[in-house]
Amino acid sequence: MKTDFRYSNTLGWNTFPVPLLTEQNKADLAACAENILLTREAHFPATIADLYDPDNMPENMRHAHERNDEVLERIYTGRRFKNDTERLEKLFELYTKMTAAVATRVKCGK
């Protein structure tokens, strides 16, 4: 296998588990993504490096990402996570359930 980039519409990896999303969850996340893109556009011609410099990030950009984080965290727990440890515990809990379900399907030949 070569080491250059390859693209596929049938092959992918989930790097972390995502709960089942309701139509409202999808709409909320889409609105957050659109807001982030519009906020970036408002700072044209600033580069991504300019916009995401932790010391100089525009306040509205920081706010757009904080809102996105809040919406996403509420999907997982119904509230904001208390800290990174709690966030990781939830992700590992969901990952364990996800991989156990896959392992069960493989054992059953499904």
PDB file of N, CA and C in Angstrom:
ATOM      1  N   MET A   1       0.845  -1.170   0.000  1.00  0.00           N
ATOM      2  CA  MET A   1       0.000   0.000   0.000  1.00  0.00           C
ATOM      3  C   MET A   1       0.897   1.242   0.000  1.00  0.00           C
ATOM      4  N   LYS A   2       0.503   2.208  -0.787  1.00  0.00           N
ATOM      5  CA  LYS A   2       1.277   3.442  -0.855  1.00  0.00           C
ATOM      6  C   LYS A   2       1.033   4.297   0.384  1.00  0.00           C
ATOM      7  N   THR A   3       1.899   5.287   0.586  1.00  0.00           N
ATOM      8  CA  THR A   3       1.778   6.127   1.775  1.00  0.00           C
ATOM      9  C   THR A   3       1.148   7.484   1.487  1.00  0.00           C
ATOM     10  N   ASP A   4       0.744   7.739   0.234  1.00  0.00           N
ATOM     11  CA  ASP A   4       0.119   9.028  -0.051  1.00  0.00           C
ATOM     12  C   ASP A   4      -1.364   8.983   0.337  1.00  0.00           C
ATOM     13  N   PHE A   5      -2.023  10.129   0.285  1.00  0.00           N
ATOM     14  CA  PHE A   5      -3.419  10.219   0.686  1.00  0.00           C
ATOM     15  C   PHE A   5      -4.297   9.445  -0.277  1.00  0.00           C
ATOM     16  N   ARG A   6      -5.327   8.799   0.300  1.00  0.00           N
ATOM     17  CA  ARG A   6      -6.327   8.108  -0.500  1.00  0.00           C
ATOM     18  C   ARG A   6      -7.693   8.526   0.007  1.00  0.00           C
ATOM     19  N   TYR A   7      -8.630   8.649  -0.912  1.00  0.00           N
ATOM     20  CA  TYR A   7      -9.980   9.051  -0.561  1.00  0.00           C
ATOM     21  C   TYR A   7     -10.947   7.950  -0.958  1.00  0.00           C
ATOM     22  N   SER A   8     -11.979   7.773  -0.173  1.00  0.00           N
ATOM     23  CA  SER A   8     -12.959   6.744  -0.449  1.00  0.00           C
ATOM     24  C   SER A   8     -14.314   7.188   0.072  1.00  0.00           C
ATOM     25  N   ASN A   9     -15.357   6.853  -0.670  1.00  0.00           N
ATOM     26  CA  ASN A   9     -16.702   7.167  -0.178  1.00  0.00           C
ATOM     27  C   ASN A   9     -17.301   5.994   0.590  1.00  0.00           C
ATOM     28  N   THR A  10     -16.558   4.894   0.706  1.00  0.00           N
ATOM     29  CA  THR A  10     -17.075   3.721   1.400  1.00  0.00           C
ATOM     30  C   THR A  10     -16.236   3.322   2.606  1.00  0.00           C
ATOM     31  N   LEU A  11     -15.119   3.975   2.816  1.00  0.00           N
ATOM     32  CA  LEU A  11     -14.212   3.598   3.886  1.00  0.00           C
ATOM     33  C   LEU A  11     -13.987   4.795   4.795  1.00  0.00           C
ATOM     34  N   GLY A  12     -14.103   4.581   6.077  1.00  0.00           N
ATOM     35  CA  GLY A  12     -13.883   5.685   7.007  1.00  0.00           C
ATOM     36  C   GLY A  12     -13.649   5.159   8.399  1.00  0.00           C
ATOM     37  N   TRP A  13     -13.151   6.014   9.254  1.00  0.00           N
ATOM     38  CA  TRP A  13     -12.876   5.655  10.639  1.00  0.00           C
ATOM     39  C   TRP A  13     -13.570   6.657  11.530  1.00  0.00           C
ATOM     40  N   ASN A  14     -14.246   6.152  12.536  1.00  0.00           N
ATOM     41  CA  ASN A  14     -14.822   7.022  13.549  1.00  0.00           C
ATOM     42  C   ASN A  14     -13.784   7.163  14.645  1.00  0.00           C
ATOM     43  N   THR A  15     -13.338   8.367  14.881  1.00  0.00           N
ATOM     44  CA  THR A  15     -12.302   8.581  15.884  1.00  0.00           C
ATOM     45  C   THR A  15     -12.877   8.696  17.283  1.00  0.00           C
ATOM     46  N   PHE A  16     -14.167   8.929  17.387  1.00  0.00           N
ATOM     47  CA  PHE A  16     -14.818   8.938  18.686  1.00  0.00           C
ATOM     48  C   PHE A  16     -16.298   8.666  18.461  1.00  0.00           C
ATOM     49  N   PRO A  17     -16.954   8.101  19.463  1.00  0.00           N
ATOM     50  CA  PRO A  17     -18.365   7.764  19.297  1.00  0.00           C
ATOM     51  C   PRO A  17     -19.253   8.999  19.353  1.00  0.00           C
ATOM     52  N   VAL A  18     -20.263   8.993  18.529  1.00  0.00           N
ATOM     53  CA  VAL A  18     -21.239  10.073  18.513  1.00  0.00           C
ATOM     54  C   VAL A  18     -22.592   9.460  18.830  1.00  0.00           C
ATOM     55  N   PRO A  19     -23.312  10.017  19.802  1.00  0.00           N
ATOM     56  CA  PRO A  19     -24.644   9.487  20.093  1.00  0.00           C
ATOM     57  C   PRO A  19     -25.557   9.656  18.876  1.00  0.00           C
ATOM     58  N   LEU A  20     -26.641   8.908  18.849  1.00  0.00           N
ATOM     59  CA  LEU A  20     -27.614   9.108  17.784  1.00  0.00           C
ATOM     60  C   LEU A  20     -28.107  10.546  17.856  1.00  0.00           C
ATOM     61  N   LEU A  21     -28.112  11.203  16.720  1.00  0.00           N
ATOM     62  CA  LEU A  21     -28.503  12.602  16.667  1.00  0.00           C
ATOM     63  C   LEU A  21     -29.956  12.730  16.238  1.00  0.00           C
ATOM     64  N   THR A  22     -30.696  13.559  16.954  1.00  0.00           N
ATOM     65  CA  THR A  22     -32.060  13.874  16.551  1.00  0.00           C
ATOM     66  C   THR A  22     -32.001  14.899  15.424  1.00  0.00           C
ATOM     67  N   GLU A  23     -33.121  15.116  14.779  1.00  0.00           N
ATOM     68  CA  GLU A  23     -33.166  16.150  13.742  1.00  0.00           C
ATOM     69  C   GLU A  23     -32.844  17.515  14.347  1.00  0.00           C
ATOM     70  N   GLN A  24     -33.283  17.744  15.588  1.00  0.00           N
ATOM     71  CA  GLN A  24     -32.985  19.014  16.263  1.00  0.00           C
ATOM     72  C   GLN A  24     -31.489  19.134  16.532  1.00  0.00           C
ATOM     73  N   ASN A  25     -30.844  18.039  16.980  1.00  0.00           N
ATOM     74  CA  ASN A  25     -29.388  18.050  17.199  1.00  0.00           C
ATOM     75  C   ASN A  25     -28.664  18.429  15.915  1.00  0.00           C
ATOM     76  N   LYS A  26     -29.071  17.804  14.808  1.00  0.00           N
ATOM     77  CA  LYS A  26     -28.441  18.075  13.512  1.00  0.00           C
ATOM     78  C   LYS A  26     -28.631  19.529  13.112  1.00  0.00           C
ATOM     79  N   ALA A  27     -29.832  20.048  13.317  1.00  0.00           N
ATOM     80  CA  ALA A  27     -30.101  21.446  12.973  1.00  0.00           C
ATOM     81  C   ALA A  27     -29.278  22.389  13.847  1.00  0.00           C
ATOM     82  N   ASP A  28     -29.165  22.089  15.134  1.00  0.00           N
ATOM     83  CA  ASP A  28     -28.385  22.934  16.044  1.00  0.00           C
ATOM     84  C   ASP A  28     -26.906  22.928  15.660  1.00  0.00           C
ATOM     85  N   LEU A  29     -26.376  21.744  15.347  1.00  0.00           N
ATOM     86  CA  LEU A  29     -24.963  21.658  14.952  1.00  0.00           C
ATOM     87  C   LEU A  29     -24.713  22.342  13.611  1.00  0.00           C
ATOM     88  N   ALA A  30     -25.657  22.200  12.693  1.00  0.00           N
ATOM     89  CA  ALA A  30     -25.518  22.872  11.393  1.00  0.00           C
ATOM     90  C   ALA A  30     -25.527  24.389  11.573  1.00  0.00           C
ATOM     91  N   ALA A  31     -26.372  24.877  12.458  1.00  0.00           N
ATOM     92  CA  ALA A  31     -26.421  26.321  12.722  1.00  0.00           C
ATOM     93  C   ALA A  31     -25.103  26.801  13.325  1.00  0.00           C
ATOM     94  N   CYS A  32     -24.525  26.007  14.225  1.00  0.00           N
ATOM     95  CA  CYS A  32     -23.229  26.366  14.816  1.00  0.00           C
ATOM     96  C   CYS A  32     -22.143  26.400  13.748  1.00  0.00           C
ATOM     97  N   ALA A  33     -22.129  25.391  12.890  1.00  0.00           N
ATOM     98  CA  ALA A  33     -21.115  25.336  11.830  1.00  0.00           C
ATOM     99  C   ALA A  33     -21.254  26.531  10.895  1.00  0.00           C
ATOM    100  N   GLU A  34     -22.476  26.852  10.537  1.00  0.00           N
ATOM    101  CA  GLU A  34     -22.702  28.002   9.660  1.00  0.00           C
ATOM    102  C   GLU A  34     -22.237  29.289  10.337  1.00  0.00           C
ATOM    103  N   ASN A  35     -22.518  29.426  11.627  1.00  0.00           N
ATOM    104  CA  ASN A  35     -22.088  30.614  12.353  1.00  0.00           C
ATOM    105  C   ASN A  35     -20.559  30.730  12.383  1.00  0.00           C
ATOM    106  N   ILE A  36     -19.875  29.604  12.568  1.00  0.00           N
ATOM    107  CA  ILE A  36     -18.406  29.618  12.560  1.00  0.00           C
ATOM    108  C   ILE A  36     -17.898  30.068  11.196  1.00  0.00           C
ATOM    109  N   LEU A  37     -18.484  29.526  10.122  1.00  0.00           N
ATOM    110  CA  LEU A  37     -18.048  29.904   8.775  1.00  0.00           C
ATOM    111  C   LEU A  37     -18.321  31.375   8.482  1.00  0.00           C
ATOM    112  N   LEU A  38     -19.474  31.863   8.895  1.00  0.00           N
ATOM    113  CA  LEU A  38     -19.800  33.275   8.672  1.00  0.00           C
ATOM    114  C   LEU A  38     -18.881  34.188   9.489  1.00  0.00           C
ATOM    115  N   THR A  39     -18.541  33.740  10.684  1.00  0.00           N
ATOM    116  CA  THR A  39     -17.627  34.528  11.518  1.00  0.00           C
ATOM    117  C   THR A  39     -16.245  34.581  10.878  1.00  0.00           C
ATOM    118  N   ARG A  40     -15.788  33.458  10.356  1.00  0.00           N
ATOM    119  CA  ARG A  40     -14.499  33.461   9.640  1.00  0.00           C
ATOM    120  C   ARG A  40     -14.551  34.431   8.464  1.00  0.00           C
ATOM    121  N   GLU A  41     -15.644  34.350   7.712  1.00  0.00           N
ATOM    122  CA  GLU A  41     -15.779  35.198   6.525  1.00  0.00           C
ATOM    123  C   GLU A  41     -15.762  36.682   6.896  1.00  0.00           C
ATOM    124  N   ALA A  42     -16.306  37.009   8.050  1.00  0.00           N
ATOM    125  CA  ALA A  42     -16.340  38.404   8.493  1.00  0.00           C
ATOM    126  C   ALA A  42     -14.942  38.964   8.723  1.00  0.00           C
ATOM    127  N   HIS A  43     -13.962  38.081   8.889  1.00  0.00           N
ATOM    128  CA  HIS A  43     -12.586  38.517   9.135  1.00  0.00           C
ATOM    129  C   HIS A  43     -11.694  38.382   7.902  1.00  0.00           C
ATOM    130  N   PHE A  44     -12.305  38.166   6.738  1.00  0.00           N
ATOM    131  CA  PHE A  44     -11.534  38.098   5.497  1.00  0.00           C
ATOM    132  C   PHE A  44     -10.702  39.359   5.349  1.00  0.00           C
ATOM    133  N   PRO A  45      -9.464  39.291   4.957  1.00  0.00           N
ATOM    134  CA  PRO A  45      -8.691  38.180   4.415  1.00  0.00           C
ATOM    135  C   PRO A  45      -7.802  37.467   5.448  1.00  0.00           C
ATOM    136  N   ALA A  46      -8.171  37.508   6.716  1.00  0.00           N
ATOM    137  CA  ALA A  46      -7.370  36.821   7.743  1.00  0.00           C
ATOM    138  C   ALA A  46      -7.280  35.331   7.412  1.00  0.00           C
ATOM    139  N   THR A  47      -6.131  34.758   7.691  1.00  0.00           N
ATOM    140  CA  THR A  47      -5.926  33.331   7.444  1.00  0.00           C
ATOM    141  C   THR A  47      -6.445  32.526   8.630  1.00  0.00           C
ATOM    142  N   ILE A  48      -6.562  31.232   8.432  1.00  0.00           N
ATOM    143  CA  ILE A  48      -6.953  30.340   9.524  1.00  0.00           C
ATOM    144  C   ILE A  48      -5.940  30.466  10.664  1.00  0.00           C
ATOM    145  N   ALA A  49      -4.663  30.559  10.313  1.00  0.00           N
ATOM    146  CA  ALA A  49      -3.621  30.720  11.341  1.00  0.00           C
ATOM    147  C   ALA A  49      -3.848  32.000  12.137  1.00  0.00           C
ATOM    148  N   ASP A  50      -4.244  33.069  11.460  1.00  0.00           N
ATOM    149  CA  ASP A  50      -4.534  34.325  12.156  1.00  0.00           C
ATOM    150  C   ASP A  50      -5.733  34.166  13.087  1.00  0.00           C
ATOM    151  N   LEU A  51      -6.784  33.564  12.561  1.00  0.00           N
ATOM    152  CA  LEU A  51      -8.039  33.456  13.313  1.00  0.00           C
ATOM    153  C   LEU A  51      -7.944  32.536  14.515  1.00  0.00           C
ATOM    154  N   TYR A  52      -7.075  31.525  14.419  1.00  0.00           N
ATOM    155  CA  TYR A  52      -6.992  30.542  15.503  1.00  0.00           C
ATOM    156  C   TYR A  52      -5.739  30.685  16.360  1.00  0.00           C
ATOM    157  N   ASP A  53      -5.076  31.822  16.260  1.00  0.00           N
ATOM    158  CA  ASP A  53      -3.961  32.124  17.159  1.00  0.00           C
ATOM    159  C   ASP A  53      -4.568  32.314  18.548  1.00  0.00           C
ATOM    160  N   PRO A  54      -4.219  31.440  19.510  1.00  0.00           N
ATOM    161  CA  PRO A  54      -4.867  31.505  20.830  1.00  0.00           C
ATOM    162  C   PRO A  54      -4.748  32.861  21.518  1.00  0.00           C
ATOM    163  N   ASP A  55      -3.681  33.583  21.239  1.00  0.00           N
ATOM    164  CA  ASP A  55      -3.484  34.877  21.898  1.00  0.00           C
ATOM    165  C   ASP A  55      -4.212  36.018  21.194  1.00  0.00           C
ATOM    166  N   ASN A  56      -4.591  35.806  19.936  1.00  0.00           N
ATOM    167  CA  ASN A  56      -5.193  36.897  19.165  1.00  0.00           C
ATOM    168  C   ASN A  56      -6.515  36.522  18.496  1.00  0.00           C
ATOM    169  N   MET A  57      -7.130  35.438  18.922  1.00  0.00           N
ATOM    170  CA  MET A  57      -8.387  35.009  18.316  1.00  0.00           C
ATOM    171  C   MET A  57      -9.451  36.078  18.525  1.00  0.00           C
ATOM    172  N   PRO A  58     -10.132  36.467  17.434  1.00  0.00           N
ATOM    173  CA  PRO A  58     -11.201  37.457  17.589  1.00  0.00           C
ATOM    174  C   PRO A  58     -12.269  36.947  18.563  1.00  0.00           C
ATOM    175  N   GLU A  59     -12.812  37.847  19.347  1.00  0.00           N
ATOM    176  CA  GLU A  59     -13.769  37.467  20.381  1.00  0.00           C
ATOM    177  C   GLU A  59     -15.000  36.781  19.794  1.00  0.00           C
ATOM    178  N   ASN A  60     -15.483  37.266  18.644  1.00  0.00           N
ATOM    179  CA  ASN A  60     -16.673  36.629  18.072  1.00  0.00           C
ATOM    180  C   ASN A  60     -16.361  35.222  17.560  1.00  0.00           C
ATOM    181  N   MET A  61     -15.129  34.988  17.165  1.00  0.00           N
ATOM    182  CA  MET A  61     -14.713  33.650  16.733  1.00  0.00           C
ATOM    183  C   MET A  61     -14.663  32.706  17.935  1.00  0.00           C
ATOM    184  N   ARG A  62     -14.098  33.188  19.008  1.00  0.00           N
ATOM    185  CA  ARG A  62     -14.033  32.386  20.239  1.00  0.00           C
ATOM    186  C   ARG A  62     -15.454  32.047  20.716  1.00  0.00           C
ATOM    187  N   HIS A  63     -16.344  33.041  20.660  1.00  0.00           N
ATOM    188  CA  HIS A  63     -17.725  32.833  21.090  1.00  0.00           C
ATOM    189  C   HIS A  63     -18.434  31.804  20.193  1.00  0.00           C
ATOM    190  N   ALA A  64     -18.219  31.866  18.889  1.00  0.00           N
ATOM    191  CA  ALA A  64     -18.852  30.907  17.965  1.00  0.00           C
ATOM    192  C   ALA A  64     -18.419  29.483  18.285  1.00  0.00           C
ATOM    193  N   HIS A  65     -17.154  29.302  18.609  1.00  0.00           N
ATOM    194  CA  HIS A  65     -16.669  27.969  18.955  1.00  0.00           C
ATOM    195  C   HIS A  65     -17.141  27.527  20.338  1.00  0.00           C
ATOM    196  N   GLU A  66     -17.219  28.439  21.259  1.00  0.00           N
ATOM    197  CA  GLU A  66     -17.735  28.092  22.590  1.00  0.00           C
ATOM    198  C   GLU A  66     -19.192  27.655  22.496  1.00  0.00           C
ATOM    199  N   ARG A  67     -19.978  28.319  21.661  1.00  0.00           N
ATOM    200  CA  ARG A  67     -21.377  27.937  21.456  1.00  0.00           C
ATOM    201  C   ARG A  67     -21.450  26.538  20.831  1.00  0.00           C
ATOM    202  N   ASN A  68     -20.611  26.270  19.854  1.00  0.00           N
ATOM    203  CA  ASN A  68     -20.568  24.947  19.231  1.00  0.00           C
ATOM    204  C   ASN A  68     -20.219  23.880  20.273  1.00  0.00           C
ATOM    205  N   ASP A  69     -19.225  24.162  21.108  1.00  0.00           N
ATOM    206  CA  ASP A  69     -18.838  23.213  22.156  1.00  0.00           C
ATOM    207  C   ASP A  69     -20.004  22.936  23.097  1.00  0.00           C
ATOM    208  N   GLU A  70     -20.708  23.990  23.476  1.00  0.00           N
ATOM    209  CA  GLU A  70     -21.831  23.817  24.398  1.00  0.00           C
ATOM    210  C   GLU A  70     -22.927  22.950  23.778  1.00  0.00           C
ATOM    211  N   VAL A  71     -23.276  23.223  22.535  1.00  0.00           N
ATOM    212  CA  VAL A  71     -24.314  22.436  21.863  1.00  0.00           C
ATOM    213  C   VAL A  71     -23.887  20.973  21.794  1.00  0.00           C
ATOM    214  N   LEU A  72     -22.647  20.721  21.418  1.00  0.00           N
ATOM    215  CA  LEU A  72     -22.165  19.346  21.297  1.00  0.00           C
ATOM    216  C   LEU A  72     -22.138  18.637  22.648  1.00  0.00           C
ATOM    217  N   GLU A  73     -21.651  19.300  23.669  1.00  0.00           N
ATOM    218  CA  GLU A  73     -21.592  18.674  24.991  1.00  0.00           C
ATOM    219  C   GLU A  73     -22.986  18.363  25.522  1.00  0.00           C
ATOM    220  N   ARG A  74     -23.946  19.216  25.262  1.00  0.00           N
ATOM    221  CA  ARG A  74     -25.319  18.965  25.718  1.00  0.00           C
ATOM    222  C   ARG A  74     -25.925  17.749  25.008  1.00  0.00           C
ATOM    223  N   ILE A  75     -25.484  17.481  23.789  1.00  0.00           N
ATOM    224  CA  ILE A  75     -25.944  16.278  23.091  1.00  0.00           C
ATOM    225  C   ILE A  75     -25.460  15.031  23.836  1.00  0.00           C
ATOM    226  N   TYR A  76     -24.255  15.083  24.352  1.00  0.00           N
ATOM    227  CA  TYR A  76     -23.687  13.935  25.058  1.00  0.00           C
ATOM    228  C   TYR A  76     -24.251  13.758  26.463  1.00  0.00           C
ATOM    229  N   THR A  77     -24.443  14.834  27.197  1.00  0.00           N
ATOM    230  CA  THR A  77     -24.802  14.706  28.614  1.00  0.00           C
ATOM    231  C   THR A  77     -26.000  15.539  29.053  1.00  0.00           C
ATOM    232  N   GLY A  78     -26.533  16.362  28.187  1.00  0.00           N
ATOM    233  CA  GLY A  78     -27.627  17.236  28.588  1.00  0.00           C
ATOM    234  C   GLY A  78     -27.163  18.485  29.317  1.00  0.00           C
ATOM    235  N   ARG A  79     -25.853  18.630  29.446  1.00  0.00           N
ATOM    236  CA  ARG A  79     -25.262  19.803  30.119  1.00  0.00           C
ATOM    237  C   ARG A  79     -23.799  19.899  29.685  1.00  0.00           C
ATOM    238  N   ARG A  80     -23.120  20.938  30.143  1.00  0.00           N
ATOM    239  CA  ARG A  80     -21.681  21.055  29.871  1.00  0.00           C
ATOM    240  C   ARG A  80     -20.924  20.051  30.728  1.00  0.00           C
ATOM    241  N   PHE A  81     -19.817  19.551  30.203  1.00  0.00           N
ATOM    242  CA  PHE A  81     -18.955  18.686  31.012  1.00  0.00           C
ATOM    243  C   PHE A  81     -18.295  19.540  32.089  1.00  0.00           C
ATOM    244  N   LYS A  82     -18.039  18.915  33.236  1.00  0.00           N
ATOM    245  CA  LYS A  82     -17.391  19.627  34.340  1.00  0.00           C
ATOM    246  C   LYS A  82     -15.917  19.874  34.044  1.00  0.00           C
ATOM    247  N   ASN A  83     -15.277  18.918  33.356  1.00  0.00           N
ATOM    248  CA  ASN A  83     -13.838  19.030  33.072  1.00  0.00           C
ATOM    249  C   ASN A  83     -13.461  18.015  31.986  1.00  0.00           C
ATOM    250  N   ASP A  84     -12.207  18.028  31.591  1.00  0.00           N
ATOM    251  CA  ASP A  84     -11.739  17.119  30.551  1.00  0.00           C
ATOM    252  C   ASP A  84     -11.814  15.658  30.980  1.00  0.00           C
ATOM    253  N   THR A  85     -11.610  15.388  32.253  1.00  0.00           N
ATOM    254  CA  THR A  85     -11.686  14.014  32.744  1.00  0.00           C
ATOM    255  C   THR A  85     -13.090  13.459  32.533  1.00  0.00           C
ATOM    256  N   GLU A  86     -14.088  14.229  32.886  1.00  0.00           N
ATOM    257  CA  GLU A  86     -15.464  13.782  32.691  1.00  0.00           C
ATOM    258  C   GLU A  86     -15.762  13.577  31.203  1.00  0.00           C
ATOM    259  N   ARG A  87     -15.259  14.459  30.378  1.00  0.00           N
ATOM    260  CA  ARG A  87     -15.456  14.354  28.926  1.00  0.00           C
ATOM    261  C   ARG A  87     -14.846  13.053  28.406  1.00  0.00           C
ATOM    262  N   LEU A  88     -13.617  12.762  28.806  1.00  0.00           N
ATOM    263  CA  LEU A  88     -12.949  11.535  28.368  1.00  0.00           C
ATOM    264  C   LEU A  88     -13.651  10.285  28.892  1.00  0.00           C
ATOM    265  N   GLU A  89     -14.097  10.329  30.135  1.00  0.00           N
ATOM    266  CA  GLU A  89     -14.818   9.182  30.694  1.00  0.00           C
ATOM    267  C   GLU A  89     -16.060   8.878  29.871  1.00  0.00           C
ATOM    268  N   LYS A  90     -16.808   9.902  29.478  1.00  0.00           N
ATOM    269  CA  LYS A  90     -18.015   9.706  28.680  1.00  0.00           C
ATOM    270  C   LYS A  90     -17.670   9.133  27.313  1.00  0.00           C
ATOM    271  N   LEU A  91     -16.644   9.666  26.675  1.00  0.00           N
ATOM    272  CA  LEU A  91     -16.250   9.167  25.353  1.00  0.00           C
ATOM    273  C   LEU A  91     -15.795   7.714  25.422  1.00  0.00           C
ATOM    274  N   PHE A  92     -15.009   7.361  26.448  1.00  0.00           N
ATOM    275  CA  PHE A  92     -14.566   5.978  26.582  1.00  0.00           C
ATOM    276  C   PHE A  92     -15.740   5.054  26.908  1.00  0.00           C
ATOM    277  N   GLU A  93     -16.677   5.522  27.708  1.00  0.00           N
ATOM    278  CA  GLU A  93     -17.868   4.724  28.015  1.00  0.00           C
ATOM    279  C   GLU A  93     -18.637   4.408  26.728  1.00  0.00           C
ATOM    280  N   LEU A  94     -18.859   5.424  25.909  1.00  0.00           N
ATOM    281  CA  LEU A  94     -19.578   5.222  24.652  1.00  0.00           C
ATOM    282  C   LEU A  94     -18.774   4.364  23.675  1.00  0.00           C
ATOM    283  N   TYR A  95     -17.467   4.556  23.660  1.00  0.00           N
ATOM    284  CA  TYR A  95     -16.614   3.764  22.774  1.00  0.00           C
ATOM    285  C   TYR A  95     -16.644   2.293  23.180  1.00  0.00           C
ATOM    286  N   THR A  96     -16.621   2.025  24.473  1.00  0.00           N
ATOM    287  CA  THR A  96     -16.680   0.649  24.959  1.00  0.00           C
ATOM    288  C   THR A  96     -17.990  -0.008  24.531  1.00  0.00           C
ATOM    289  N   LYS A  97     -19.103   0.703  24.671  1.00  0.00           N
ATOM    290  CA  LYS A  97     -20.404   0.171  24.245  1.00  0.00           C
ATOM    291  C   LYS A  97     -20.431  -0.059  22.735  1.00  0.00           C
ATOM    292  N   MET A  98     -19.875   0.886  21.990  1.00  0.00           N
ATOM    293  CA  MET A  98     -19.876   0.788  20.538  1.00  0.00           C
ATOM    294  C   MET A  98     -19.056  -0.418  20.074  1.00  0.00           C
ATOM    295  N   THR A  99     -17.868  -0.597  20.629  1.00  0.00           N
ATOM    296  CA  THR A  99     -17.020  -1.704  20.197  1.00  0.00           C
ATOM    297  C   THR A  99     -17.559  -3.040  20.676  1.00  0.00           C
ATOM    298  N   ALA A 100     -18.224  -3.069  21.831  1.00  0.00           N
ATOM    299  CA  ALA A 100     -18.834  -4.311  22.303  1.00  0.00           C
ATOM    300  C   ALA A 100     -19.958  -4.734  21.361  1.00  0.00           C
ATOM    301  N   ALA A 101     -20.738  -3.782  20.888  1.00  0.00           N
ATOM    302  CA  ALA A 101     -21.818  -4.091  19.952  1.00  0.00           C
ATOM    303  C   ALA A 101     -21.260  -4.634  18.641  1.00  0.00           C
ATOM    304  N   VAL A 102     -20.185  -4.047  18.156  1.00  0.00           N
ATOM    305  CA  VAL A 102     -19.553  -4.523  16.925  1.00  0.00           C
ATOM    306  C   VAL A 102     -18.999  -5.926  17.139  1.00  0.00           C
ATOM    307  N   ALA A 103     -18.335  -6.155  18.252  1.00  0.00           N
ATOM    308  CA  ALA A 103     -17.763  -7.480  18.548  1.00  0.00           C
ATOM    309  C   ALA A 103     -18.855  -8.545  18.608  1.00  0.00           C
ATOM    310  N   THR A 104     -19.998  -8.204  19.187  1.00  0.00           N
ATOM    311  CA  THR A 104     -21.117  -9.136  19.273  1.00  0.00           C
ATOM    312  C   THR A 104     -21.646  -9.488  17.877  1.00  0.00           C
ATOM    313  N   ARG A 105     -21.772  -8.476  17.027  1.00  0.00           N
ATOM    314  CA  ARG A 105     -22.237  -8.721  15.658  1.00  0.00           C
ATOM    315  C   ARG A 105     -21.260  -9.597  14.894  1.00  0.00           C
ATOM    316  N   VAL A 106     -19.967  -9.393  15.090  1.00  0.00           N
ATOM    317  CA  VAL A 106     -18.955 -10.189  14.400  1.00  0.00           C
ATOM    318  C   VAL A 106     -19.032 -11.642  14.873  1.00  0.00           C
ATOM    319  N   LYS A 107     -19.171 -11.857  16.169  1.00  0.00           N
ATOM    320  CA  LYS A 107     -19.267 -13.225  16.715  1.00  0.00           C
ATOM    321  C   LYS A 107     -20.507 -13.942  16.197  1.00  0.00           C
ATOM    322  N   CYS A 108     -21.582 -13.198  15.995  1.00  0.00           N
ATOM    323  CA  CYS A 108     -22.833 -13.797  15.536  1.00  0.00           C
ATOM    324  C   CYS A 108     -22.867 -13.932  14.014  1.00  0.00           C
ATOM    325  N   GLY A 109     -21.840 -13.433  13.356  1.00  0.00           N
ATOM    326  CA  GLY A 109     -21.783 -13.513  11.893  1.00  0.00           C
ATOM    327  C   GLY A 109     -22.703 -12.562  11.170  1.00  0.00           C
ATOM    328  N   LYS A 110     -23.059 -11.475  11.818  1.00  0.00           N
ATOM    329  CA  LYS A 110     -23.962 -10.487  11.194  1.00  0.00           C
ATOM    330  C   LYS A 110     -23.196  -9.366  10.579  1.00  0.00           C
TER     331      LYS A 110
END
